[in-house]
N, C-alpha and C. Protein backbone atom coordinates (compact mmCIF):
# COMPACT_ATOMS: atom_id res chain seq x y z
N MET A 1 0.79 -1.20 -0.04
CA MET A 1 -0.02 -0.06 0.02
C MET A 1 0.89 1.30 0.01
N LYS A 2 1.92 1.35 0.83
CA LYS A 2 2.75 2.51 0.84
C LYS A 2 3.49 2.68 -0.35
N THR A 3 3.99 1.63 -1.02
CA THR A 3 4.65 1.60 -2.25
C THR A 3 3.82 2.21 -3.36
N ARG A 4 2.57 1.72 -3.39
CA ARG A 4 1.67 2.14 -4.44
C ARG A 4 1.32 3.65 -4.29
N LEU A 5 1.24 4.07 -3.01
CA LEU A 5 0.96 5.46 -2.81
C LEU A 5 2.21 6.35 -3.27
N LEU A 6 3.42 5.87 -2.96
CA LEU A 6 4.65 6.59 -3.33
C LEU A 6 4.63 6.60 -4.84
N CYS A 7 4.43 5.53 -5.40
CA CYS A 7 4.44 5.44 -6.94
C CYS A 7 3.48 6.49 -7.52
N ASP A 8 2.28 6.57 -7.01
CA ASP A 8 1.29 7.50 -7.42
C ASP A 8 1.70 8.94 -7.21
N LEU A 9 2.28 9.27 -6.09
CA LEU A 9 2.76 10.60 -5.74
C LEU A 9 3.95 11.02 -6.61
N LEU A 10 4.86 10.12 -6.87
CA LEU A 10 6.08 10.46 -7.67
C LEU A 10 5.89 10.04 -9.07
N ASP A 11 4.81 9.53 -9.50
CA ASP A 11 4.58 9.16 -10.87
C ASP A 11 5.64 8.23 -11.39
N CYS A 12 5.87 7.17 -10.83
CA CYS A 12 6.82 6.16 -11.18
C CYS A 12 6.46 4.79 -10.90
N TRP A 13 7.21 3.89 -11.10
CA TRP A 13 7.04 2.42 -10.92
C TRP A 13 7.69 1.95 -9.67
N TYR A 14 7.23 0.88 -9.06
CA TYR A 14 7.81 0.38 -7.81
C TYR A 14 9.32 0.09 -7.80
N LEU A 15 9.84 -0.34 -9.01
CA LEU A 15 11.23 -0.71 -9.09
C LEU A 15 12.00 0.68 -9.00
N ASP A 16 11.47 1.80 -9.53
CA ASP A 16 12.15 3.07 -9.42
C ASP A 16 12.27 3.47 -7.94
N ILE A 17 11.22 3.23 -7.15
CA ILE A 17 11.24 3.55 -5.69
C ILE A 17 12.38 2.71 -5.08
N ASN A 18 12.43 1.42 -5.45
CA ASN A 18 13.46 0.58 -4.90
C ASN A 18 14.80 0.96 -5.29
N PHE A 19 15.09 1.42 -6.44
CA PHE A 19 16.31 1.99 -6.94
C PHE A 19 16.74 3.13 -6.09
N LEU A 20 15.88 4.10 -5.86
CA LEU A 20 16.29 5.26 -5.02
C LEU A 20 16.47 4.80 -3.53
N ASP A 21 15.65 3.96 -3.04
CA ASP A 21 15.80 3.49 -1.65
C ASP A 21 17.09 2.81 -1.46
N ASP A 22 17.52 1.90 -2.49
CA ASP A 22 18.90 1.26 -2.39
C ASP A 22 20.03 2.32 -2.44
N LEU A 23 19.94 3.34 -3.23
CA LEU A 23 20.92 4.35 -3.21
C LEU A 23 21.06 4.98 -1.91
N LEU A 24 19.89 5.39 -1.41
CA LEU A 24 19.89 6.12 -0.12
C LEU A 24 20.43 5.28 1.04
N ASN A 25 20.11 3.98 1.03
CA ASN A 25 20.55 3.08 2.08
C ASN A 25 21.96 2.71 1.94
N THR A 26 22.45 2.44 0.71
CA THR A 26 23.84 2.02 0.50
C THR A 26 24.82 3.15 0.95
N TYR A 27 24.45 4.35 0.62
CA TYR A 27 25.32 5.61 0.98
C TYR A 27 24.93 6.28 2.23
N GLU A 28 23.92 5.75 2.90
CA GLU A 28 23.42 6.34 4.22
C GLU A 28 23.06 7.78 4.01
N ILE A 29 22.23 8.01 3.02
CA ILE A 29 21.85 9.41 2.67
C ILE A 29 20.53 9.75 3.25
N ASP A 30 20.37 10.89 3.80
CA ASP A 30 18.99 11.42 4.25
C ASP A 30 18.82 12.66 3.43
N LEU A 31 17.90 12.61 2.51
CA LEU A 31 17.63 13.72 1.76
C LEU A 31 16.80 14.85 2.42
N ASP A 32 17.06 16.11 2.20
CA ASP A 32 16.31 17.17 2.73
C ASP A 32 15.13 17.54 1.76
N ILE A 33 14.01 17.03 1.99
CA ILE A 33 12.94 17.22 1.06
C ILE A 33 12.56 18.67 1.03
N ASP A 34 12.47 19.32 2.12
CA ASP A 34 12.13 20.72 2.16
C ASP A 34 13.07 21.56 1.35
N ASP A 35 14.39 21.26 1.42
CA ASP A 35 15.39 21.91 0.65
C ASP A 35 15.17 21.75 -0.89
N ILE A 36 14.90 20.51 -1.20
CA ILE A 36 14.69 20.07 -2.58
C ILE A 36 13.44 20.79 -3.15
N ARG A 37 12.39 20.79 -2.41
CA ARG A 37 11.22 21.50 -2.81
C ARG A 37 11.42 23.03 -2.92
N ALA A 38 12.20 23.66 -2.11
CA ALA A 38 12.53 25.03 -2.19
C ALA A 38 13.37 25.29 -3.43
N ASN A 39 14.27 24.38 -3.79
CA ASN A 39 15.17 24.66 -4.99
C ASN A 39 14.44 24.31 -6.30
N PHE A 40 13.59 23.35 -6.29
CA PHE A 40 13.07 22.86 -7.51
C PHE A 40 11.61 23.25 -7.70
N TRP A 41 11.05 23.69 -6.65
CA TRP A 41 9.58 24.00 -6.59
C TRP A 41 8.63 22.81 -6.80
N LYS A 42 9.25 21.64 -6.78
CA LYS A 42 8.38 20.33 -6.82
C LYS A 42 9.40 19.22 -6.34
N VAL A 43 8.79 18.10 -6.20
CA VAL A 43 9.52 16.88 -5.91
C VAL A 43 9.03 15.76 -6.75
N ASP A 44 9.87 15.20 -7.51
CA ASP A 44 9.66 13.98 -8.29
C ASP A 44 10.78 13.03 -8.20
N LEU A 45 10.61 11.87 -8.68
CA LEU A 45 11.63 10.78 -8.43
C LEU A 45 12.88 11.21 -9.12
N ASN A 46 12.87 11.66 -10.33
CA ASN A 46 14.16 12.05 -10.98
C ASN A 46 14.92 13.15 -10.25
N ILE A 47 14.18 14.06 -9.71
CA ILE A 47 14.90 15.13 -8.85
C ILE A 47 15.53 14.52 -7.70
N LEU A 48 14.85 13.61 -7.03
CA LEU A 48 15.37 12.95 -5.82
C LEU A 48 16.60 12.16 -6.26
N ILE A 49 16.57 11.41 -7.33
CA ILE A 49 17.73 10.66 -7.68
C ILE A 49 18.93 11.55 -8.13
N TYR A 50 18.58 12.64 -8.79
CA TYR A 50 19.63 13.58 -9.16
C TYR A 50 20.23 14.22 -7.91
N GLU A 51 19.57 14.55 -6.92
CA GLU A 51 20.12 15.14 -5.69
C GLU A 51 20.85 14.10 -4.92
N THR A 52 20.46 12.80 -4.93
CA THR A 52 21.15 11.75 -4.27
C THR A 52 22.52 11.53 -5.05
N TYR A 53 22.53 11.57 -6.28
CA TYR A 53 23.82 11.39 -6.97
C TYR A 53 24.76 12.60 -6.70
N GLU A 54 24.18 13.73 -6.63
CA GLU A 54 25.06 14.93 -6.22
C GLU A 54 25.79 14.74 -4.90
N ILE A 55 24.94 14.11 -3.94
CA ILE A 55 25.59 13.85 -2.62
C ILE A 55 26.58 12.77 -2.74
N ILE A 56 26.30 11.73 -3.50
CA ILE A 56 27.32 10.58 -3.77
C ILE A 56 28.56 11.16 -4.34
N LYS A 57 28.42 12.02 -5.39
CA LYS A 57 29.50 12.65 -6.03
C LYS A 57 30.41 13.40 -5.09
N ASN A 58 29.78 14.22 -4.20
CA ASN A 58 30.51 14.91 -3.20
C ASN A 58 31.15 14.00 -2.10
N MET A 59 30.50 12.99 -1.74
CA MET A 59 31.15 11.98 -0.81
C MET A 59 32.37 11.33 -1.46
N PHE A 60 32.25 11.00 -2.74
CA PHE A 60 33.43 10.42 -3.39
C PHE A 60 34.59 11.40 -3.45
N ILE A 61 34.32 12.65 -3.81
CA ILE A 61 35.41 13.57 -3.91
C ILE A 61 36.07 13.87 -2.65
N ASN A 62 35.19 13.97 -1.63
CA ASN A 62 35.74 14.27 -0.28
C ASN A 62 36.60 13.00 0.30
N ASP A 63 36.11 11.80 -0.01
CA ASP A 63 36.81 10.57 0.41
C ASP A 63 38.06 10.42 -0.35
N LYS A 64 38.15 10.82 -1.65
CA LYS A 64 39.29 10.51 -2.47
C LYS A 64 40.08 11.83 -2.85
N LYS A 65 39.88 12.81 -2.08
CA LYS A 65 40.58 14.14 -2.42
C LYS A 65 42.04 14.06 -2.59
N ASP A 66 42.73 13.36 -1.74
CA ASP A 66 44.20 13.25 -1.90
C ASP A 66 44.57 12.47 -3.17
N GLU A 67 43.93 11.41 -3.46
CA GLU A 67 44.18 10.64 -4.70
C GLU A 67 43.86 11.41 -5.96
N ILE A 68 42.84 12.26 -5.86
CA ILE A 68 42.49 13.02 -7.00
C ILE A 68 43.53 14.10 -7.25
N GLU A 69 44.05 14.71 -6.12
CA GLU A 69 45.03 15.74 -6.37
C GLU A 69 46.33 15.14 -6.73
N SER A 70 46.64 13.90 -6.40
CA SER A 70 47.81 13.15 -6.84
C SER A 70 47.82 12.96 -8.40
N LEU A 71 46.68 13.07 -8.97
CA LEU A 71 46.43 12.99 -10.40
C LEU A 71 46.56 14.27 -11.13
N TRP A 72 46.93 15.36 -10.30
CA TRP A 72 47.02 16.71 -10.79
C TRP A 72 45.74 17.27 -11.26
N ILE A 73 44.67 16.91 -10.58
CA ILE A 73 43.37 17.27 -10.82
C ILE A 73 42.79 18.05 -9.67
N ASP A 74 42.27 19.22 -9.83
CA ASP A 74 41.70 19.98 -8.88
C ASP A 74 40.24 19.44 -8.50
N PRO A 75 40.06 18.90 -7.34
CA PRO A 75 38.72 18.34 -6.90
C PRO A 75 37.53 19.27 -7.24
N ASN A 76 37.76 20.59 -7.25
CA ASN A 76 36.68 21.45 -7.52
C ASN A 76 36.35 21.57 -9.04
N ASP A 77 37.26 21.12 -9.92
CA ASP A 77 37.07 21.14 -11.27
C ASP A 77 36.80 19.85 -12.04
N ILE A 78 36.35 18.94 -11.31
CA ILE A 78 35.98 17.60 -11.89
C ILE A 78 34.77 17.70 -12.81
N ASP A 79 34.92 17.22 -14.05
CA ASP A 79 33.91 17.17 -15.03
C ASP A 79 33.09 15.92 -14.85
N TYR A 80 31.78 16.01 -14.50
CA TYR A 80 30.91 14.91 -14.31
C TYR A 80 29.59 15.07 -14.90
N GLN A 81 28.85 14.03 -15.05
CA GLN A 81 27.46 14.12 -15.63
C GLN A 81 26.59 13.22 -14.75
N ILE A 82 25.41 13.69 -14.53
CA ILE A 82 24.38 12.87 -13.89
C ILE A 82 23.29 12.75 -14.80
N TYR A 83 22.94 11.50 -15.16
CA TYR A 83 21.80 11.18 -16.03
C TYR A 83 20.67 10.67 -15.22
N THR A 84 19.50 11.18 -15.35
CA THR A 84 18.31 10.66 -14.60
C THR A 84 17.19 10.25 -15.53
N ASN A 85 16.87 9.05 -15.36
CA ASN A 85 15.75 8.35 -16.06
C ASN A 85 15.30 7.18 -15.23
N PHE A 86 14.73 7.60 -14.02
CA PHE A 86 14.23 6.59 -13.13
C PHE A 86 15.40 5.60 -12.82
N MET A 87 15.01 4.28 -12.85
CA MET A 87 16.10 3.37 -12.44
C MET A 87 17.27 3.13 -13.44
N ASP A 88 17.15 3.85 -14.49
CA ASP A 88 18.26 3.81 -15.47
C ASP A 88 19.26 5.01 -15.34
N SER A 89 19.16 5.69 -14.07
CA SER A 89 19.93 6.81 -13.70
C SER A 89 21.35 6.37 -13.37
N HIS A 90 22.33 7.31 -13.64
CA HIS A 90 23.67 7.01 -13.18
C HIS A 90 24.56 8.30 -13.26
N LEU A 91 25.59 8.13 -12.61
CA LEU A 91 26.69 9.20 -12.40
C LEU A 91 27.92 8.77 -13.12
N TRP A 92 28.53 9.57 -13.92
CA TRP A 92 29.79 9.22 -14.45
C TRP A 92 30.75 10.45 -14.58
N PHE A 93 32.07 10.19 -14.62
CA PHE A 93 32.97 11.17 -14.69
C PHE A 93 33.56 11.14 -16.09
N ASN A 94 33.93 12.35 -16.64
CA ASN A 94 34.48 12.42 -17.96
C ASN A 94 35.90 12.22 -18.06
N ASN A 95 36.65 12.07 -16.97
CA ASN A 95 38.02 11.85 -16.91
C ASN A 95 38.25 10.28 -16.58
N SER A 96 38.92 9.59 -17.39
CA SER A 96 39.05 8.13 -17.23
C SER A 96 39.71 7.73 -15.91
N ASP A 97 40.73 8.55 -15.48
CA ASP A 97 41.33 8.29 -14.10
C ASP A 97 40.38 8.42 -13.00
N ILE A 98 39.58 9.50 -13.02
CA ILE A 98 38.60 9.69 -12.06
C ILE A 98 37.50 8.64 -12.04
N SER A 99 37.10 8.29 -13.26
CA SER A 99 36.13 7.21 -13.42
C SER A 99 36.53 5.94 -12.83
N GLU A 100 37.83 5.60 -13.14
CA GLU A 100 38.37 4.35 -12.59
C GLU A 100 38.31 4.39 -11.06
N LEU A 101 38.87 5.53 -10.49
CA LEU A 101 38.83 5.70 -9.07
C LEU A 101 37.44 5.60 -8.52
N TYR A 102 36.45 6.17 -9.19
CA TYR A 102 35.07 6.14 -8.62
C TYR A 102 34.60 4.68 -8.71
N GLU A 103 34.80 4.05 -9.73
CA GLU A 103 34.38 2.58 -9.84
C GLU A 103 34.92 1.71 -8.72
N LYS A 104 36.16 1.96 -8.33
CA LYS A 104 36.73 1.22 -7.16
C LYS A 104 36.09 1.66 -5.90
N TRP A 105 35.78 2.84 -5.83
CA TRP A 105 35.17 3.41 -4.55
C TRP A 105 33.66 3.10 -4.38
N GLU A 106 33.01 3.09 -5.53
CA GLU A 106 31.56 2.82 -5.51
C GLU A 106 31.19 1.62 -4.65
N LYS A 107 30.14 1.79 -3.95
CA LYS A 107 29.72 0.71 -3.03
C LYS A 107 28.74 -0.24 -3.67
């Protein structure tokens, strides 16, 4: 019943809800829904996934800052992309060294 209600509210399928839930649990993320609503003026599943990947990206950069800097890359200038399309969403880095580091770090 709760899942069906969430699917109706977020206009998605139950596997999409599970995908977001897995991301949030794996990385122990607690989204600030009020902040998301204030920034985007709405809340939908793709926005929630996007914001989750932003947090994951920041966690990765903070955890691997020294290794990133050893590659002569400024952690503040990392080129990345977040693609959101429900459970097909993902985060990737446009630098192969950073991408490889992320794949090793990814939980």
